[in-house]
N, C-alpha and C. Protein backbone atom coordinates (compact mmCIF):
# COMPACT_ATOMS: atom_id res chain seq x y z
N MET A 1 0.94 -1.42 0.14
CA MET A 1 -0.28 -0.23 0.10
C MET A 1 0.65 1.25 0.01
N ALA A 2 0.86 2.20 -0.54
CA ALA A 2 1.26 3.55 -1.03
C ALA A 2 1.23 3.96 0.51
N ARG A 3 2.06 4.85 0.72
CA ARG A 3 1.80 5.78 2.09
C ARG A 3 1.32 7.01 1.57
N ARG A 4 0.56 7.52 1.97
CA ARG A 4 0.00 9.06 2.06
C ARG A 4 0.78 9.80 2.47
N THR A 5 1.15 11.19 1.78
CA THR A 5 2.23 12.38 2.46
C THR A 5 0.65 12.94 2.99
N LEU A 6 1.51 13.68 4.54
CA LEU A 6 0.35 14.67 5.06
C LEU A 6 1.05 15.95 5.27
N ALA A 7 2.22 16.09 4.34
CA ALA A 7 2.77 17.52 4.59
C ALA A 7 1.96 18.65 4.87
N GLY A 8 2.44 19.30 5.98
CA GLY A 8 2.20 20.63 6.23
C GLY A 8 0.86 20.14 7.19
N LEU A 9 0.40 18.93 7.43
CA LEU A 9 -0.26 18.90 8.79
C LEU A 9 -0.10 19.43 9.80
N ARG A 10 -0.94 19.48 10.99
CA ARG A 10 -0.28 19.54 12.09
C ARG A 10 -0.84 18.51 12.78
N VAL A 11 -0.08 17.82 13.73
CA VAL A 11 -0.82 16.41 14.61
C VAL A 11 -0.28 16.64 16.11
N LEU A 12 -1.41 16.42 16.85
CA LEU A 12 -1.04 16.20 18.62
C LEU A 12 -1.14 14.97 19.06
N VAL A 13 0.09 14.59 19.26
CA VAL A 13 -0.08 12.84 19.73
C VAL A 13 -0.02 12.91 21.61
N THR A 14 -0.92 12.52 22.06
CA THR A 14 -0.68 12.35 23.53
C THR A 14 -0.32 10.73 23.70
N GLY A 15 0.35 10.48 24.93
CA GLY A 15 1.14 9.46 25.43
C GLY A 15 2.21 9.07 24.51
N ALA A 16 3.05 10.00 23.65
CA ALA A 16 3.83 9.60 22.68
C ALA A 16 5.18 9.35 23.23
N SER A 17 5.38 9.05 24.23
CA SER A 17 6.79 8.64 24.80
C SER A 17 7.08 7.34 24.52
N GLN A 18 6.00 6.28 24.44
CA GLN A 18 6.22 4.90 24.31
C GLN A 18 4.92 4.20 23.46
N GLY A 19 5.26 3.29 22.99
CA GLY A 19 4.07 2.06 22.30
C GLY A 19 3.51 3.03 21.48
N ILE A 20 2.19 2.74 21.30
CA ILE A 20 1.50 3.33 20.01
C ILE A 20 1.50 4.95 19.69
N GLY A 21 1.51 5.72 20.97
CA GLY A 21 1.68 6.85 20.68
C GLY A 21 2.96 7.53 19.81
N ARG A 22 4.18 6.87 20.47
CA ARG A 22 5.04 7.02 20.01
C ARG A 22 5.44 6.54 18.37
N ALA A 23 4.78 5.27 18.12
CA ALA A 23 4.82 4.96 16.60
C ALA A 23 4.08 5.92 15.79
N LEU A 24 2.77 6.32 16.45
CA LEU A 24 1.99 7.51 15.35
C LEU A 24 2.80 8.67 15.37
N ALA A 25 3.63 9.20 16.55
CA ALA A 25 4.39 10.37 15.97
C ALA A 25 5.31 10.41 15.11
N VAL A 26 5.99 9.09 15.11
CA VAL A 26 7.10 9.07 14.24
C VAL A 26 7.14 8.91 13.04
N ASP A 27 5.32 8.20 12.67
CA ASP A 27 5.12 8.26 11.39
C ASP A 27 4.22 9.07 11.00
N ALA A 28 3.68 10.18 11.74
CA ALA A 28 3.28 11.51 11.27
C ALA A 28 4.46 12.08 10.86
N ALA A 29 5.25 12.32 11.76
CA ALA A 29 6.58 13.29 11.45
C ALA A 29 7.32 12.54 9.99
N LYS A 30 7.26 11.35 9.77
CA LYS A 30 7.73 10.49 8.13
C LYS A 30 7.00 11.15 7.44
N ARG A 31 5.90 11.24 7.38
CA ARG A 31 4.69 11.67 6.00
C ARG A 31 4.40 13.11 6.32
N GLY A 32 5.49 13.90 6.86
CA GLY A 32 5.37 15.30 6.75
C GLY A 32 4.59 15.94 7.82
N CYS A 33 4.12 15.60 8.38
CA CYS A 33 3.35 16.46 9.62
C CYS A 33 4.24 17.06 10.51
N LYS A 34 3.88 18.38 10.55
CA LYS A 34 4.46 19.02 12.51
C LYS A 34 4.07 18.47 13.41
N VAL A 35 4.77 17.88 14.25
CA VAL A 35 3.93 17.23 15.31
C VAL A 35 4.67 18.03 16.52
N VAL A 36 3.29 17.48 17.44
CA VAL A 36 3.56 18.34 19.00
C VAL A 36 3.01 17.00 19.62
N ALA A 37 4.31 16.38 20.59
CA ALA A 37 4.31 15.32 21.22
C ALA A 37 3.83 15.25 22.63
N ALA A 38 3.06 14.75 23.30
CA ALA A 38 2.94 15.21 25.18
C ALA A 38 3.13 13.88 25.27
N ALA A 39 3.32 13.80 26.99
CA ALA A 39 3.40 12.53 27.60
C ALA A 39 4.20 13.25 29.00
N ARG A 40 4.21 11.90 30.17
CA ARG A 40 4.63 12.58 31.33
C ARG A 40 5.95 12.43 31.32
N SER A 41 6.98 11.73 30.53
CA SER A 41 8.62 11.76 30.47
C SER A 41 9.19 12.49 29.79
N GLN A 42 9.46 13.58 30.52
CA GLN A 42 10.44 14.55 29.51
C GLN A 42 11.64 13.63 28.51
N LYS A 43 12.44 12.97 29.42
CA LYS A 43 13.42 12.23 29.39
C LYS A 43 13.20 11.34 27.59
N LEU A 44 12.02 10.44 27.74
CA LEU A 44 11.54 9.93 26.74
C LEU A 44 11.07 10.77 25.55
N LEU A 45 10.42 11.79 25.82
CA LEU A 45 10.16 12.78 24.66
C LEU A 45 11.32 13.18 24.20
N ASP A 46 12.35 13.69 25.06
CA ASP A 46 13.33 13.86 24.18
C ASP A 46 14.07 12.81 23.40
N GLU A 47 14.04 11.76 23.53
CA GLU A 47 14.70 10.73 22.58
C GLU A 47 13.59 10.90 21.37
N LEU A 48 12.54 10.76 21.85
CA LEU A 48 11.87 10.79 20.59
C LEU A 48 12.00 12.34 19.81
N ALA A 49 12.19 13.04 20.28
CA ALA A 49 12.59 14.16 19.18
C ALA A 49 13.37 14.02 18.79
N ALA A 50 14.60 13.47 19.61
CA ALA A 50 15.74 13.30 18.76
C ALA A 50 15.91 12.33 17.61
N GLU A 51 15.03 11.43 17.33
CA GLU A 51 15.12 10.50 16.57
C GLU A 51 14.17 11.07 15.38
N VAL A 52 13.28 11.63 15.39
CA VAL A 52 12.38 12.35 14.81
C VAL A 52 13.25 13.58 14.01
N ARG A 53 13.71 14.16 14.61
CA ARG A 53 14.84 15.48 14.05
C ARG A 53 15.70 14.31 13.15
N ALA A 54 16.54 13.87 13.76
CA ALA A 54 17.68 13.05 12.85
C ALA A 54 17.10 12.30 11.67
N ALA A 55 15.65 12.13 11.75
CA ALA A 55 15.19 11.55 10.47
C ALA A 55 14.62 12.64 9.25
N GLY A 56 14.75 14.02 9.84
CA GLY A 56 14.66 15.29 9.03
C GLY A 56 12.71 15.62 9.20
N GLY A 57 12.60 15.44 10.29
CA GLY A 57 11.18 15.51 10.86
C GLY A 57 11.23 16.65 12.01
N THR A 58 9.63 17.30 11.90
CA THR A 58 9.38 18.47 12.84
C THR A 58 8.96 18.15 13.93
N ILE A 59 9.23 18.38 15.03
CA ILE A 59 8.29 17.98 16.39
C ILE A 59 8.82 18.71 17.44
N GLU A 60 7.61 19.19 18.38
CA GLU A 60 7.70 19.90 19.60
C GLU A 60 7.36 18.90 20.69
N VAL A 61 8.02 18.95 21.82
CA VAL A 61 7.36 18.23 22.84
C VAL A 61 6.98 18.87 23.81
N VAL A 62 5.85 18.42 24.95
CA VAL A 62 5.58 18.62 25.86
C VAL A 62 5.41 17.88 26.90
N ALA A 63 6.03 17.85 27.97
CA ALA A 63 5.84 17.12 29.31
C ALA A 63 4.83 17.31 29.83
N GLY A 64 3.69 16.51 30.43
CA GLY A 64 2.77 17.05 31.57
C GLY A 64 1.54 15.42 31.33
N ASP A 65 1.03 15.80 32.60
CA ASP A 65 -0.07 14.76 32.18
C ASP A 65 -1.46 15.64 31.89
N VAL A 66 -1.84 14.79 30.60
CA VAL A 66 -3.28 15.49 30.20
C VAL A 66 -4.54 15.25 31.11
N THR A 67 -4.41 14.15 31.92
CA THR A 67 -5.60 14.12 32.61
C THR A 67 -5.36 15.04 33.83
N ASN A 68 -4.77 16.18 34.16
CA ASN A 68 -4.46 16.68 34.91
C ASN A 68 -4.64 18.25 34.48
N PRO A 69 -5.85 18.91 34.81
CA PRO A 69 -5.61 20.27 34.26
C PRO A 69 -4.83 21.02 34.93
């Protein structure tokens, strides 16, 4: 199946530091999205950001708990 480009779209991914959230953030960045990744672990978010940027993607990270207003 051909991968669709999503170039220029903005995507917010919560739970992005691991598992499905991380995979979604990486895939969206590879498809050209500008990604904002949110999760509780700053360390894991920094690792994600380094991976995405090394691959040429655009990402900003926000550490915090989205269940806590």
